[in-house]
PDB file of N, CA and C in Angstrom:
ATOM      1  N   MET A   1    -198.933 -31.971 101.529  1.00  0.00           N
ATOM      2  CA  MET A   1    -198.113 -32.145 102.701  1.00  0.00           C
ATOM      3  C   MET A   1    -198.573 -33.403 103.445  1.00  0.00           C
ATOM      4  N   ALA A   2    -197.670 -34.256 103.784  1.00  0.00           N
ATOM      5  CA  ALA A   2    -197.981 -35.505 104.474  1.00  0.00           C
ATOM      6  C   ALA A   2    -198.236 -35.248 105.959  1.00  0.00           C
ATOM      7  N   VAL A   3    -199.081 -36.078 106.537  1.00  0.00           N
ATOM      8  CA  VAL A   3    -199.359 -35.990 107.962  1.00  0.00           C
ATOM      9  C   VAL A   3    -198.199 -36.613 108.711  1.00  0.00           C
ATOM     10  N   LYS A   4    -197.683 -35.900 109.707  1.00  0.00           N
ATOM     11  CA  LYS A   4    -196.541 -36.396 110.461  1.00  0.00           C
ATOM     12  C   LYS A   4    -196.998 -36.909 111.818  1.00  0.00           C
ATOM     13  N   ASN A   5    -196.672 -38.171 112.106  1.00  0.00           N
ATOM     14  CA  ASN A   5    -196.957 -38.736 113.407  1.00  0.00           C
ATOM     15  C   ASN A   5    -195.901 -38.267 114.401  1.00  0.00           C
ATOM     16  N   ILE A   6    -196.354 -37.769 115.537  1.00  0.00           N
ATOM     17  CA  ILE A   6    -195.442 -37.350 116.591  1.00  0.00           C
ATOM     18  C   ILE A   6    -194.992 -38.566 117.390  1.00  0.00           C
ATOM     19  N   ALA A   7    -195.909 -39.494 117.610  1.00  0.00           N
ATOM     20  CA  ALA A   7    -195.594 -40.709 118.364  1.00  0.00           C
ATOM     21  C   ALA A   7    -196.464 -41.848 117.880  1.00  0.00           C
ATOM     22  N   ILE A   8    -195.924 -43.046 117.980  1.00  0.00           N
ATOM     23  CA  ILE A   8    -196.649 -44.264 117.636  1.00  0.00           C
ATOM     24  C   ILE A   8    -196.436 -45.232 118.794  1.00  0.00           C
ATOM     25  N   GLY A   9    -197.534 -45.870 119.217  1.00  0.00           N
ATOM     26  CA  GLY A   9    -197.408 -46.796 120.331  1.00  0.00           C
ATOM     27  C   GLY A   9    -198.364 -47.959 120.208  1.00  0.00           C
ATOM     28  N   THR A  10    -198.133 -48.964 121.028  1.00  0.00           N
ATOM     29  CA  THR A  10    -198.988 -50.142 121.080  1.00  0.00           C
ATOM     30  C   THR A  10    -199.470 -50.315 122.501  1.00  0.00           C
ATOM     31  N   GLY A  11    -200.767 -50.565 122.657  1.00  0.00           N
ATOM     32  CA  GLY A  11    -201.334 -50.839 123.968  1.00  0.00           C
ATOM     33  C   GLY A  11    -202.016 -52.186 123.958  1.00  0.00           C
ATOM     34  N   ARG A  12    -201.950 -52.879 125.092  1.00  0.00           N
ATOM     35  CA  ARG A  12    -202.589 -54.194 125.186  1.00  0.00           C
ATOM     36  C   ARG A  12    -203.367 -54.298 126.481  1.00  0.00           C
ATOM     37  N   ARG A  13    -204.498 -54.991 126.413  1.00  0.00           N
ATOM     38  CA  ARG A  13    -205.301 -55.292 127.588  1.00  0.00           C
ATOM     39  C   ARG A  13    -206.046 -56.580 127.304  1.00  0.00           C
ATOM     40  N   LYS A  14    -205.766 -57.610 128.080  1.00  0.00           N
ATOM     41  CA  LYS A  14    -206.333 -58.947 127.855  1.00  0.00           C
ATOM     42  C   LYS A  14    -206.041 -59.365 126.418  1.00  0.00           C
ATOM     43  N   THR A  15    -207.054 -59.585 125.591  1.00  0.00           N
ATOM     44  CA  THR A  15    -206.818 -59.999 124.206  1.00  0.00           C
ATOM     45  C   THR A  15    -206.952 -58.850 123.215  1.00  0.00           C
ATOM     46  N   SER A  16    -207.102 -57.625 123.701  1.00  0.00           N
ATOM     47  CA  SER A  16    -207.214 -56.454 122.827  1.00  0.00           C
ATOM     48  C   SER A  16    -205.831 -55.856 122.567  1.00  0.00           C
ATOM     49  N   VAL A  17    -205.618 -55.453 121.315  1.00  0.00           N
ATOM     50  CA  VAL A  17    -204.367 -54.810 120.935  1.00  0.00           C
ATOM     51  C   VAL A  17    -204.708 -53.527 120.186  1.00  0.00           C
ATOM     52  N   ALA A  18    -204.105 -52.419 120.621  1.00  0.00           N
ATOM     53  CA  ALA A  18    -204.360 -51.121 119.991  1.00  0.00           C
ATOM     54  C   ALA A  18    -203.056 -50.531 119.471  1.00  0.00           C
ATOM     55  N   ARG A  19    -203.087 -50.045 118.234  1.00  0.00           N
ATOM     56  CA  ARG A  19    -201.982 -49.262 117.674  1.00  0.00           C
ATOM     57  C   ARG A  19    -202.443 -47.815 117.691  1.00  0.00           C
ATOM     58  N   VAL A  20    -201.632 -46.954 118.283  1.00  0.00           N
ATOM     59  CA  VAL A  20    -202.022 -45.566 118.500  1.00  0.00           C
ATOM     60  C   VAL A  20    -201.044 -44.644 117.775  1.00  0.00           C
ATOM     61  N   PHE A  21    -201.604 -43.689 117.039  1.00  0.00           N
ATOM     62  CA  PHE A  21    -200.815 -42.707 116.307  1.00  0.00           C
ATOM     63  C   PHE A  21    -201.198 -41.321 116.833  1.00  0.00           C
ATOM     64  N   VAL A  22    -200.218 -40.561 117.292  1.00  0.00           N
ATOM     65  CA  VAL A  22    -200.453 -39.224 117.853  1.00  0.00           C
ATOM     66  C   VAL A  22    -199.957 -38.198 116.843  1.00  0.00           C
ATOM     67  N   ARG A  23    -200.817 -37.226 116.541  1.00  0.00           N
ATOM     68  CA  ARG A  23    -200.495 -36.172 115.581  1.00  0.00           C
ATOM     69  C   ARG A  23    -200.906 -34.827 116.153  1.00  0.00           C
ATOM     70  N   GLU A  24    -200.243 -33.769 115.725  1.00  0.00           N
ATOM     71  CA  GLU A  24    -200.677 -32.434 116.132  1.00  0.00           C
ATOM     72  C   GLU A  24    -202.067 -32.188 115.578  1.00  0.00           C
ATOM     73  N   GLY A  25    -202.916 -31.542 116.385  1.00  0.00           N
ATOM     74  CA  GLY A  25    -204.273 -31.302 115.924  1.00  0.00           C
ATOM     75  C   GLY A  25    -205.107 -30.595 116.968  1.00  0.00           C
ATOM     76  N   SER A  26    -206.391 -30.932 116.998  1.00  0.00           N
ATOM     77  CA  SER A  26    -207.347 -30.201 117.839  1.00  0.00           C
ATOM     78  C   SER A  26    -208.009 -31.066 118.907  1.00  0.00           C
ATOM     79  N   GLY A  27    -207.556 -32.295 119.104  1.00  0.00           N
ATOM     80  CA  GLY A  27    -208.142 -33.139 120.131  1.00  0.00           C
ATOM     81  C   GLY A  27    -209.099 -34.197 119.614  1.00  0.00           C
ATOM     82  N   LYS A  28    -209.133 -34.394 118.321  1.00  0.00           N
ATOM     83  CA  LYS A  28    -210.028 -35.384 117.715  1.00  0.00           C
ATOM     84  C   LYS A  28    -209.467 -36.786 117.953  1.00  0.00           C
ATOM     85  N   ILE A  29    -210.338 -37.721 118.360  1.00  0.00           N
ATOM     86  CA  ILE A  29    -209.935 -39.107 118.569  1.00  0.00           C
ATOM     87  C   ILE A  29    -210.767 -39.993 117.648  1.00  0.00           C
ATOM     88  N   VAL A  30    -210.089 -40.786 116.815  1.00  0.00           N
ATOM     89  CA  VAL A  30    -210.734 -41.672 115.860  1.00  0.00           C
ATOM     90  C   VAL A  30    -210.323 -43.108 116.178  1.00  0.00           C
ATOM     91  N   VAL A  31    -211.313 -43.989 116.323  1.00  0.00           N
ATOM     92  CA  VAL A  31    -211.071 -45.396 116.625  1.00  0.00           C
ATOM     93  C   VAL A  31    -211.624 -46.237 115.474  1.00  0.00           C
ATOM     94  N   ASN A  32    -210.755 -46.977 114.818  1.00  0.00           N
ATOM     95  CA  ASN A  32    -211.138 -47.826 113.677  1.00  0.00           C
ATOM     96  C   ASN A  32    -211.997 -47.072 112.662  1.00  0.00           C
ATOM     97  N   GLY A  33    -211.613 -45.834 112.365  1.00  0.00           N
ATOM     98  CA  GLY A  33    -212.297 -45.040 111.349  1.00  0.00           C
ATOM     99  C   GLY A  33    -213.546 -44.318 111.814  1.00  0.00           C
ATOM    100  N   LYS A  34    -213.924 -44.457 113.086  1.00  0.00           N
ATOM    101  CA  LYS A  34    -215.115 -43.790 113.620  1.00  0.00           C
ATOM    102  C   LYS A  34    -214.721 -42.861 114.756  1.00  0.00           C
ATOM    103  N   ASP A  35    -215.524 -41.833 114.969  1.00  0.00           N
ATOM    104  CA  ASP A  35    -215.319 -40.961 116.122  1.00  0.00           C
ATOM    105  C   ASP A  35    -215.417 -41.799 117.399  1.00  0.00           C
ATOM    106  N   VAL A  36    -214.658 -41.448 118.410  1.00  0.00           N
ATOM    107  CA  VAL A  36    -214.610 -42.232 119.646  1.00  0.00           C
ATOM    108  C   VAL A  36    -216.000 -42.416 120.259  1.00  0.00           C
ATOM    109  N   ALA A  37    -216.859 -41.403 120.179  1.00  0.00           N
ATOM    110  CA  ALA A  37    -218.209 -41.492 120.746  1.00  0.00           C
ATOM    111  C   ALA A  37    -219.109 -42.428 119.941  1.00  0.00           C
ATOM    112  N   GLU A  38    -218.830 -42.600 118.660  1.00  0.00           N
ATOM    113  CA  GLU A  38    -219.599 -43.529 117.832  1.00  0.00           C
ATOM    114  C   GLU A  38    -219.140 -44.973 118.044  1.00  0.00           C
ATOM    115  N   TYR A  39    -217.843 -45.158 118.275  1.00  0.00           N
ATOM    116  CA  TYR A  39    -217.294 -46.511 118.379  1.00  0.00           C
ATOM    117  C   TYR A  39    -217.629 -47.168 119.719  1.00  0.00           C
ATOM    118  N   PHE A  40    -217.450 -46.428 120.822  1.00  0.00           N
ATOM    119  CA  PHE A  40    -217.686 -47.001 122.147  1.00  0.00           C
ATOM    120  C   PHE A  40    -219.096 -46.693 122.622  1.00  0.00           C
ATOM    121  N   ASP A  41    -219.677 -47.654 123.354  1.00  0.00           N
ATOM    122  CA  ASP A  41    -221.071 -47.564 123.778  1.00  0.00           C
ATOM    123  C   ASP A  41    -221.288 -46.730 125.033  1.00  0.00           C
ATOM    124  N   THR A  42    -220.398 -46.841 126.001  1.00  0.00           N
ATOM    125  CA  THR A  42    -220.642 -46.206 127.303  1.00  0.00           C
ATOM    126  C   THR A  42    -219.736 -45.009 127.532  1.00  0.00           C
ATOM    127  N   GLU A  43    -220.202 -44.134 128.393  1.00  0.00           N
ATOM    128  CA  GLU A  43    -219.422 -42.953 128.772  1.00  0.00           C
ATOM    129  C   GLU A  43    -218.124 -43.364 129.463  1.00  0.00           C
ATOM    130  N   ALA A  44    -218.163 -44.449 130.236  1.00  0.00           N
ATOM    131  CA  ALA A  44    -216.961 -44.920 130.938  1.00  0.00           C
ATOM    132  C   ALA A  44    -215.868 -45.333 129.947  1.00  0.00           C
ATOM    133  N   GLU A  45    -216.229 -46.003 128.867  1.00  0.00           N
ATOM    134  CA  GLU A  45    -215.257 -46.408 127.846  1.00  0.00           C
ATOM    135  C   GLU A  45    -214.662 -45.182 127.152  1.00  0.00           C
ATOM    136  N   ILE A  46    -215.502 -44.212 126.851  1.00  0.00           N
ATOM    137  CA  ILE A  46    -215.038 -42.977 126.204  1.00  0.00           C
ATOM    138  C   ILE A  46    -214.097 -42.220 127.139  1.00  0.00           C
ATOM    139  N   ARG A  47    -214.447 -42.149 128.414  1.00  0.00           N
ATOM    140  CA  ARG A  47    -213.600 -41.488 129.413  1.00  0.00           C
ATOM    141  C   ARG A  47    -212.248 -42.190 129.536  1.00  0.00           C
ATOM    142  N   THR A  48    -212.241 -43.522 129.474  1.00  0.00           N
ATOM    143  CA  THR A  48    -210.999 -44.289 129.547  1.00  0.00           C
ATOM    144  C   THR A  48    -210.064 -43.922 128.400  1.00  0.00           C
ATOM    145  N   VAL A  49    -210.609 -43.741 127.219  1.00  0.00           N
ATOM    146  CA  VAL A  49    -209.798 -43.372 126.056  1.00  0.00           C
ATOM    147  C   VAL A  49    -209.271 -41.942 126.199  1.00  0.00           C
ATOM    148  N   HIS A  50    -210.077 -41.026 126.716  1.00  0.00           N
ATOM    149  CA  HIS A  50    -209.691 -39.619 126.866  1.00  0.00           C
ATOM    150  C   HIS A  50    -208.735 -39.380 128.040  1.00  0.00           C
ATOM    151  N   GLN A  51    -208.718 -40.264 129.014  1.00  0.00           N
ATOM    152  CA  GLN A  51    -208.003 -40.032 130.267  1.00  0.00           C
ATOM    153  C   GLN A  51    -206.521 -39.633 130.112  1.00  0.00           C
ATOM    154  N   PRO A  52    -205.725 -40.308 129.284  1.00  0.00           N
ATOM    155  CA  PRO A  52    -204.312 -39.899 129.178  1.00  0.00           C
ATOM    156  C   PRO A  52    -204.134 -38.453 128.722  1.00  0.00           C
ATOM    157  N   LEU A  53    -204.992 -37.982 127.827  1.00  0.00           N
ATOM    158  CA  LEU A  53    -204.891 -36.597 127.372  1.00  0.00           C
ATOM    159  C   LEU A  53    -205.352 -35.621 128.444  1.00  0.00           C
ATOM    160  N   LEU A  54    -206.377 -35.985 129.195  1.00  0.00           N
ATOM    161  CA  LEU A  54    -206.877 -35.115 130.253  1.00  0.00           C
ATOM    162  C   LEU A  54    -205.859 -34.951 131.374  1.00  0.00           C
ATOM    163  N   VAL A  55    -205.215 -36.039 131.754  1.00  0.00           N
ATOM    164  CA  VAL A  55    -204.242 -36.008 132.846  1.00  0.00           C
ATOM    165  C   VAL A  55    -203.044 -35.124 132.489  1.00  0.00           C
ATOM    166  N   THR A  56    -202.642 -35.142 131.227  1.00  0.00           N
ATOM    167  CA  THR A  56    -201.476 -34.364 130.798  1.00  0.00           C
ATOM    168  C   THR A  56    -201.835 -32.977 130.268  1.00  0.00           C
ATOM    169  N   ASN A  57    -203.120 -32.610 130.303  1.00  0.00           N
ATOM    170  CA  ASN A  57    -203.603 -31.311 129.800  1.00  0.00           C
ATOM    171  C   ASN A  57    -203.312 -31.088 128.318  1.00  0.00           C
ATOM    172  N   TYR A  58    -203.359 -32.155 127.521  1.00  0.00           N
ATOM    173  CA  TYR A  58    -203.146 -32.061 126.078  1.00  0.00           C
ATOM    174  C   TYR A  58    -204.389 -32.423 125.281  1.00  0.00           C
ATOM    175  N   GLU A  59    -205.586 -32.330 125.892  1.00  0.00           N
ATOM    176  CA  GLU A  59    -206.797 -32.784 125.220  1.00  0.00           C
ATOM    177  C   GLU A  59    -207.146 -31.987 123.967  1.00  0.00           C
ATOM    178  N   ASN A  60    -206.637 -30.785 123.807  1.00  0.00           N
ATOM    179  CA  ASN A  60    -206.953 -29.986 122.614  1.00  0.00           C
ATOM    180  C   ASN A  60    -205.729 -29.704 121.755  1.00  0.00           C
ATOM    181  N   LYS A  61    -204.638 -30.427 121.993  1.00  0.00           N
ATOM    182  CA  LYS A  61    -203.408 -30.166 121.251  1.00  0.00           C
ATOM    183  C   LYS A  61    -203.080 -31.257 120.225  1.00  0.00           C
ATOM    184  N   TYR A  62    -203.519 -32.482 120.470  1.00  0.00           N
ATOM    185  CA  TYR A  62    -203.169 -33.602 119.606  1.00  0.00           C
ATOM    186  C   TYR A  62    -204.397 -34.350 119.114  1.00  0.00           C
ATOM    187  N   ASP A  63    -204.299 -34.890 117.903  1.00  0.00           N
ATOM    188  CA  ASP A  63    -205.300 -35.814 117.370  1.00  0.00           C
ATOM    189  C   ASP A  63    -204.759 -37.220 117.573  1.00  0.00           C
ATOM    190  N   ILE A  64    -205.654 -38.147 117.883  1.00  0.00           N
ATOM    191  CA  ILE A  64    -205.268 -39.527 118.142  1.00  0.00           C
ATOM    192  C   ILE A  64    -205.995 -40.434 117.149  1.00  0.00           C
ATOM    193  N   LEU A  65    -205.251 -41.271 116.457  1.00  0.00           N
ATOM    194  CA  LEU A  65    -205.808 -42.267 115.547  1.00  0.00           C
ATOM    195  C   LEU A  65    -205.506 -43.633 116.154  1.00  0.00           C
ATOM    196  N   ILE A  66    -206.548 -44.422 116.418  1.00  0.00           N
ATOM    197  CA  ILE A  66    -206.387 -45.714 117.081  1.00  0.00           C
ATOM    198  C   ILE A  66    -206.949 -46.815 116.196  1.00  0.00           C
ATOM    199  N   ASN A  67    -206.154 -47.847 115.984  1.00  0.00           N
ATOM    200  CA  ASN A  67    -206.609 -49.062 115.324  1.00  0.00           C
ATOM    201  C   ASN A  67    -206.575 -50.152 116.382  1.00  0.00           C
ATOM    202  N   VAL A  68    -207.735 -50.724 116.694  1.00  0.00           N
ATOM    203  CA  VAL A  68    -207.817 -51.706 117.768  1.00  0.00           C
ATOM    204  C   VAL A  68    -208.534 -52.955 117.276  1.00  0.00           C
ATOM    205  N   GLN A  69    -208.120 -54.101 117.808  1.00  0.00           N
ATOM    206  CA  GLN A  69    -208.770 -55.356 117.441  1.00  0.00           C
ATOM    207  C   GLN A  69    -208.713 -56.316 118.611  1.00  0.00           C
ATOM    208  N   GLY A  70    -209.604 -57.282 118.595  1.00  0.00           N
ATOM    209  CA  GLY A  70    -209.636 -58.318 119.608  1.00  0.00           C
ATOM    210  C   GLY A  70    -210.371 -57.885 120.867  1.00  0.00           C
ATOM    211  N   GLY A  71    -210.854 -58.857 121.619  1.00  0.00           N
ATOM    212  CA  GLY A  71    -211.486 -58.599 122.896  1.00  0.00           C
ATOM    213  C   GLY A  71    -212.813 -57.872 122.772  1.00  0.00           C
ATOM    214  N   GLY A  72    -213.291 -57.384 123.901  1.00  0.00           N
ATOM    215  CA  GLY A  72    -214.536 -56.626 123.951  1.00  0.00           C
ATOM    216  C   GLY A  72    -214.259 -55.143 123.986  1.00  0.00           C
ATOM    217  N   LEU A  73    -215.320 -54.355 124.002  1.00  0.00           N
ATOM    218  CA  LEU A  73    -215.154 -52.901 123.966  1.00  0.00           C
ATOM    219  C   LEU A  73    -214.440 -52.359 125.200  1.00  0.00           C
ATOM    220  N   LYS A  74    -214.706 -52.919 126.360  1.00  0.00           N
ATOM    221  CA  LYS A  74    -214.051 -52.447 127.587  1.00  0.00           C
ATOM    222  C   LYS A  74    -212.528 -52.698 127.512  1.00  0.00           C
ATOM    223  N   GLY A  75    -212.139 -53.872 127.066  1.00  0.00           N
ATOM    224  CA  GLY A  75    -210.725 -54.182 126.900  1.00  0.00           C
ATOM    225  C   GLY A  75    -210.085 -53.339 125.820  1.00  0.00           C
ATOM    226  N   GLN A  76    -210.834 -53.070 124.747  1.00  0.00           N
ATOM    227  CA  GLN A  76    -210.297 -52.220 123.682  1.00  0.00           C
ATOM    228  C   GLN A  76    -210.080 -50.798 124.175  1.00  0.00           C
ATOM    229  N   ALA A  77    -211.004 -50.280 124.981  1.00  0.00           N
ATOM    230  CA  ALA A  77    -210.855 -48.926 125.522  1.00  0.00           C
ATOM    231  C   ALA A  77    -209.625 -48.844 126.417  1.00  0.00           C
ATOM    232  N   ALA A  78    -209.394 -49.863 127.226  1.00  0.00           N
ATOM    233  CA  ALA A  78    -208.250 -49.869 128.127  1.00  0.00           C
ATOM    234  C   ALA A  78    -206.930 -50.048 127.379  1.00  0.00           C
ATOM    235  N   ALA A  79    -206.976 -50.765 126.270  1.00  0.00           N
ATOM    236  CA  ALA A  79    -205.752 -50.968 125.477  1.00  0.00           C
ATOM    237  C   ALA A  79    -205.303 -49.652 124.870  1.00  0.00           C
TER     238      ALA A  79
END
């Protein structure tokens, strides 16, 4: 069975560009093939990535796959 994307989006911040794929799941967030906590250095960057799910109360309903490039880690988190 193929994985079905519920939504696909693009985010930008300064020179960072992120492609985001939303799928039904358990709240797992993967950035460039790594867990979000492994990819980003600071708690603030991790919180920035989690914030949209927390605000909408969907933190345990969807898995997020993010491919990001360009800029620094702070800009990538915001993208």
